[in-house]
PDB file of N, CA and C in Angstrom:
ATOM      1  N   UNK A   1      96.397 193.593 144.013  1.00  0.00           N
ATOM      2  CA  UNK A   1      95.259 193.268 142.940  1.00  0.00           C
ATOM      3  C   UNK A   1      93.945 193.199 143.681  1.00  0.00           C
ATOM      4  N   UNK A   2      92.817 193.380 143.193  1.00  0.00           N
ATOM      5  CA  UNK A   2      91.550 193.394 143.523  1.00  0.00           C
ATOM      6  C   UNK A   2      90.732 192.399 142.755  1.00  0.00           C
ATOM      7  N   UNK A   3      90.007 191.461 143.337  1.00  0.00           N
ATOM      8  CA  UNK A   3      88.958 190.646 142.886  1.00  0.00           C
ATOM      9  C   UNK A   3      87.551 190.929 143.245  1.00  0.00           C
ATOM     10  N   UNK A   4      86.531 191.272 142.337  1.00  0.00           N
ATOM     11  CA  UNK A   4      85.142 191.713 142.880  1.00  0.00           C
ATOM     12  C   UNK A   4      84.572 190.323 142.651  1.00  0.00           C
ATOM     13  N   UNK A   5      83.518 190.020 143.636  1.00  0.00           N
ATOM     14  CA  UNK A   5      82.732 188.951 143.510  1.00  0.00           C
ATOM     15  C   UNK A   5      81.520 189.139 144.440  1.00  0.00           C
ATOM     16  N   UNK A   6      80.304 188.920 143.743  1.00  0.00           N
ATOM     17  CA  UNK A   6      79.173 188.921 144.443  1.00  0.00           C
ATOM     18  C   UNK A   6      78.997 190.682 145.422  1.00  0.00           C
ATOM     19  N   UNK A   7      79.631 191.481 144.915  1.00  0.00           N
ATOM     20  CA  UNK A   7      79.487 192.784 145.296  1.00  0.00           C
ATOM     21  C   UNK A   7      80.542 193.184 146.311  1.00  0.00           C
ATOM     22  N   UNK A   8      81.492 192.164 146.664  1.00  0.00           N
ATOM     23  CA  UNK A   8      82.409 192.413 147.663  1.00  0.00           C
ATOM     24  C   UNK A   8      83.870 192.266 146.824  1.00  0.00           C
ATOM     25  N   UNK A   9      84.969 193.248 147.519  1.00  0.00           N
ATOM     26  CA  UNK A   9      85.912 193.403 146.823  1.00  0.00           C
ATOM     27  C   UNK A   9      87.201 192.534 147.697  1.00  0.00           C
ATOM     28  N   UNK A  10      87.811 191.803 147.227  1.00  0.00           N
ATOM     29  CA  UNK A  10      89.090 190.975 147.686  1.00  0.00           C
ATOM     30  C   UNK A  10      90.166 191.586 147.612  1.00  0.00           C
ATOM     31  N   UNK A  11      91.073 191.841 148.314  1.00  0.00           N
ATOM     32  CA  UNK A  11      92.267 192.537 148.190  1.00  0.00           C
ATOM     33  C   UNK A  11      93.365 191.320 148.181  1.00  0.00           C
ATOM     34  N   UNK A  12      94.184 191.180 147.147  1.00  0.00           N
ATOM     35  CA  UNK A  12      95.016 189.787 146.882  1.00  0.00           C
ATOM     36  C   UNK A  12      96.571 190.522 147.009  1.00  0.00           C
ATOM     37  N   UNK A  13      97.373 189.800 148.071  1.00  0.00           N
ATOM     38  CA  UNK A  13      98.769 190.252 148.153  1.00  0.00           C
ATOM     39  C   UNK A  13      99.688 188.992 147.696  1.00  0.00           C
ATOM     40  N   UNK A  14     100.499 188.827 146.961  1.00  0.00           N
ATOM     41  CA  UNK A  14     101.317 187.626 146.547  1.00  0.00           C
ATOM     42  C   UNK A  14     102.472 187.784 147.539  1.00  0.00           C
ATOM     43  N   UNK A  15     102.539 186.364 148.151  1.00  0.00           N
ATOM     44  CA  UNK A  15     103.850 186.116 148.858  1.00  0.00           C
ATOM     45  C   UNK A  15     104.335 184.919 148.115  1.00  0.00           C
ATOM     46  N   UNK A  16     105.711 184.560 148.410  1.00  0.00           N
ATOM     47  CA  UNK A  16     106.517 183.329 147.724  1.00  0.00           C
ATOM     48  C   UNK A  16     105.862 181.937 147.599  1.00  0.00           C
ATOM     49  N   UNK A  17     105.135 181.592 148.931  1.00  0.00           N
ATOM     50  CA  UNK A  17     104.415 180.597 149.369  1.00  0.00           C
ATOM     51  C   UNK A  17     102.893 180.284 149.111  1.00  0.00           C
ATOM     52  N   UNK A  18     102.485 181.668 149.067  1.00  0.00           N
ATOM     53  CA  UNK A  18     100.884 181.788 149.305  1.00  0.00           C
ATOM     54  C   UNK A  18     100.397 183.194 148.743  1.00  0.00           C
ATOM     55  N   UNK A  19      98.951 183.075 148.511  1.00  0.00           N
ATOM     56  CA  UNK A  19      98.334 184.276 148.488  1.00  0.00           C
ATOM     57  C   UNK A  19      97.665 184.564 149.613  1.00  0.00           C
ATOM     58  N   UNK A  20      97.394 186.075 150.124  1.00  0.00           N
ATOM     59  CA  UNK A  20      96.811 186.356 151.250  1.00  0.00           C
ATOM     60  C   UNK A  20      95.822 187.098 150.450  1.00  0.00           C
ATOM     61  N   UNK A  21      94.437 186.657 150.964  1.00  0.00           N
ATOM     62  CA  UNK A  21      93.230 187.118 150.560  1.00  0.00           C
ATOM     63  C   UNK A  21      92.584 188.002 151.530  1.00  0.00           C
ATOM     64  N   UNK A  22      92.032 189.410 151.493  1.00  0.00           N
ATOM     65  CA  UNK A  22      91.431 189.763 152.525  1.00  0.00           C
ATOM     66  C   UNK A  22      89.947 190.585 152.091  1.00  0.00           C
ATOM     67  N   UNK A  23      89.145 190.382 152.960  1.00  0.00           N
ATOM     68  CA  UNK A  23      87.915 191.281 152.634  1.00  0.00           C
ATOM     69  C   UNK A  23      87.701 191.946 153.760  1.00  0.00           C
ATOM     70  N   UNK A  24      87.041 193.035 153.708  1.00  0.00           N
ATOM     71  CA  UNK A  24      86.507 193.991 154.627  1.00  0.00           C
ATOM     72  C   UNK A  24      85.252 194.355 154.583  1.00  0.00           C
ATOM     73  N   UNK A  25      84.411 193.835 155.674  1.00  0.00           N
ATOM     74  CA  UNK A  25      83.082 194.172 155.904  1.00  0.00           C
ATOM     75  C   UNK A  25      82.642 194.880 156.946  1.00  0.00           C
ATOM     76  N   UNK A  26      82.508 196.295 156.933  1.00  0.00           N
ATOM     77  CA  UNK A  26      81.738 197.166 158.102  1.00  0.00           C
ATOM     78  C   UNK A  26      83.367 197.204 158.924  1.00  0.00           C
ATOM     79  N   UNK A  27      83.449 196.783 160.161  1.00  0.00           N
ATOM     80  CA  UNK A  27      84.605 196.855 161.140  1.00  0.00           C
ATOM     81  C   UNK A  27      85.338 195.440 160.810  1.00  0.00           C
ATOM     82  N   UNK A  28      84.603 194.543 160.364  1.00  0.00           N
ATOM     83  CA  UNK A  28      85.472 193.222 160.171  1.00  0.00           C
ATOM     84  C   UNK A  28      86.456 193.055 159.238  1.00  0.00           C
ATOM     85  N   UNK A  29      87.527 192.422 159.056  1.00  0.00           N
ATOM     86  CA  UNK A  29      88.520 192.280 157.928  1.00  0.00           C
ATOM     87  C   UNK A  29      88.579 190.409 158.137  1.00  0.00           C
ATOM     88  N   UNK A  30      88.168 190.009 157.071  1.00  0.00           N
ATOM     89  CA  UNK A  30      88.296 188.322 157.080  1.00  0.00           C
ATOM     90  C   UNK A  30      89.552 188.049 156.249  1.00  0.00           C
ATOM     91  N   UNK A  31      90.283 187.192 156.507  1.00  0.00           N
ATOM     92  CA  UNK A  31      91.371 187.115 155.789  1.00  0.00           C
ATOM     93  C   UNK A  31      91.760 185.653 155.336  1.00  0.00           C
ATOM     94  N   UNK A  32      92.072 185.230 154.316  1.00  0.00           N
ATOM     95  CA  UNK A  32      92.093 183.623 153.902  1.00  0.00           C
ATOM     96  C   UNK A  32      94.016 183.779 153.330  1.00  0.00           C
ATOM     97  N   UNK A  33      94.326 182.639 153.523  1.00  0.00           N
ATOM     98  CA  UNK A  33      95.610 182.193 152.995  1.00  0.00           C
ATOM     99  C   UNK A  33      95.612 181.213 151.666  1.00  0.00           C
ATOM    100  N   UNK A  34      95.842 181.380 150.926  1.00  0.00           N
ATOM    101  CA  UNK A  34      95.656 180.227 149.741  1.00  0.00           C
ATOM    102  C   UNK A  34      96.986 179.665 149.209  1.00  0.00           C
ATOM    103  N   UNK A  35      97.762 178.370 149.588  1.00  0.00           N
ATOM    104  CA  UNK A  35      98.938 177.868 149.128  1.00  0.00           C
ATOM    105  C   UNK A  35      98.942 178.166 147.679  1.00  0.00           C
ATOM    106  N   UNK A  36     100.356 178.395 146.901  1.00  0.00           N
ATOM    107  CA  UNK A  36     100.458 178.427 145.458  1.00  0.00           C
ATOM    108  C   UNK A  36     100.389 177.285 145.241  1.00  0.00           C
ATOM    109  N   UNK A  37     100.418 176.078 145.836  1.00  0.00           N
ATOM    110  CA  UNK A  37     100.177 174.607 145.577  1.00  0.00           C
ATOM    111  C   UNK A  37      98.931 174.309 144.728  1.00  0.00           C
ATOM    112  N   UNK A  38      97.803 175.140 145.477  1.00  0.00           N
ATOM    113  CA  UNK A  38      96.555 175.053 144.973  1.00  0.00           C
ATOM    114  C   UNK A  38      96.317 176.276 143.989  1.00  0.00           C
ATOM    115  N   UNK A  39      96.794 177.268 143.943  1.00  0.00           N
ATOM    116  CA  UNK A  39      96.677 178.446 142.909  1.00  0.00           C
ATOM    117  C   UNK A  39      98.191 178.856 142.448  1.00  0.00           C
ATOM    118  N   UNK A  40      98.557 178.502 141.359  1.00  0.00           N
ATOM    119  CA  UNK A  40      99.855 178.773 141.082  1.00  0.00           C
ATOM    120  C   UNK A  40     100.176 180.174 140.470  1.00  0.00           C
ATOM    121  N   UNK A  41      99.235 180.576 140.063  1.00  0.00           N
ATOM    122  CA  UNK A  41      99.323 182.188 139.210  1.00  0.00           C
ATOM    123  C   UNK A  41      97.829 182.922 139.561  1.00  0.00           C
ATOM    124  N   UNK A  42      97.865 184.132 138.905  1.00  0.00           N
ATOM    125  CA  UNK A  42      96.630 185.302 139.118  1.00  0.00           C
ATOM    126  C   UNK A  42      95.530 184.492 138.537  1.00  0.00           C
ATOM    127  N   UNK A  43      95.620 184.047 137.508  1.00  0.00           N
ATOM    128  CA  UNK A  43      94.498 183.439 136.341  1.00  0.00           C
ATOM    129  C   UNK A  43      93.984 182.314 137.381  1.00  0.00           C
ATOM    130  N   UNK A  44      94.768 181.490 137.897  1.00  0.00           N
ATOM    131  CA  UNK A  44      94.415 180.086 138.689  1.00  0.00           C
ATOM    132  C   UNK A  44      93.465 180.811 139.667  1.00  0.00           C
ATOM    133  N   UNK A  45      93.942 181.782 140.538  1.00  0.00           N
ATOM    134  CA  UNK A  45      93.475 182.430 141.792  1.00  0.00           C
ATOM    135  C   UNK A  45      92.084 182.678 141.572  1.00  0.00           C
ATOM    136  N   UNK A  46      91.915 183.627 140.393  1.00  0.00           N
ATOM    137  CA  UNK A  46      90.754 184.450 140.190  1.00  0.00           C
ATOM    138  C   UNK A  46      89.756 183.188 139.686  1.00  0.00           C
ATOM    139  N   UNK A  47      90.133 182.079 138.874  1.00  0.00           N
ATOM    140  CA  UNK A  47      89.253 180.901 138.875  1.00  0.00           C
ATOM    141  C   UNK A  47      88.838 180.394 140.351  1.00  0.00           C
ATOM    142  N   UNK A  48      89.617 180.158 141.030  1.00  0.00           N
ATOM    143  CA  UNK A  48      89.347 179.424 142.150  1.00  0.00           C
ATOM    144  C   UNK A  48      88.436 180.482 143.069  1.00  0.00           C
ATOM    145  N   UNK A  49      88.417 181.648 143.261  1.00  0.00           N
ATOM    146  CA  UNK A  49      87.607 182.477 143.799  1.00  0.00           C
ATOM    147  C   UNK A  49      86.266 182.379 143.290  1.00  0.00           C
ATOM    148  N   UNK A  50      86.210 182.653 141.945  1.00  0.00           N
ATOM    149  CA  UNK A  50      84.826 182.564 141.258  1.00  0.00           C
ATOM    150  C   UNK A  50      84.383 180.975 141.568  1.00  0.00           C
ATOM    151  N   UNK A  51      84.749 179.960 141.795  1.00  0.00           N
ATOM    152  CA  UNK A  51      84.525 178.687 141.849  1.00  0.00           C
ATOM    153  C   UNK A  51      84.075 178.240 143.361  1.00  0.00           C
ATOM    154  N   UNK A  52      84.556 179.107 144.259  1.00  0.00           N
ATOM    155  CA  UNK A  52      84.303 178.310 145.527  1.00  0.00           C
ATOM    156  C   UNK A  52      83.402 179.321 146.263  1.00  0.00           C
ATOM    157  N   UNK A  53      82.285 178.615 147.040  1.00  0.00           N
ATOM    158  CA  UNK A  53      81.230 179.296 147.827  1.00  0.00           C
ATOM    159  C   UNK A  53      81.738 179.973 149.018  1.00  0.00           C
ATOM    160  N   UNK A  54      83.240 179.465 149.428  1.00  0.00           N
ATOM    161  CA  UNK A  54      83.488 180.464 150.655  1.00  0.00           C
ATOM    162  C   UNK A  54      83.406 181.849 150.229  1.00  0.00           C
ATOM    163  N   UNK A  55      83.834 182.188 149.011  1.00  0.00           N
ATOM    164  CA  UNK A  55      83.752 183.626 149.049  1.00  0.00           C
ATOM    165  C   UNK A  55      82.777 184.212 148.330  1.00  0.00           C
TER     166      UNK A  55
END
């Protein structure tokens, strides 16, 4: 799944206990791990990414 925000594309991978969120900028790839306790489903993850200034 891909989420777009502010001209960046975040690639999402779902794992049993967390979401892996990564974004490639030039040669650098930044990765985030978000626990499913914070975002239980895709909708909650999209809302979280939209609301946070980190992304």
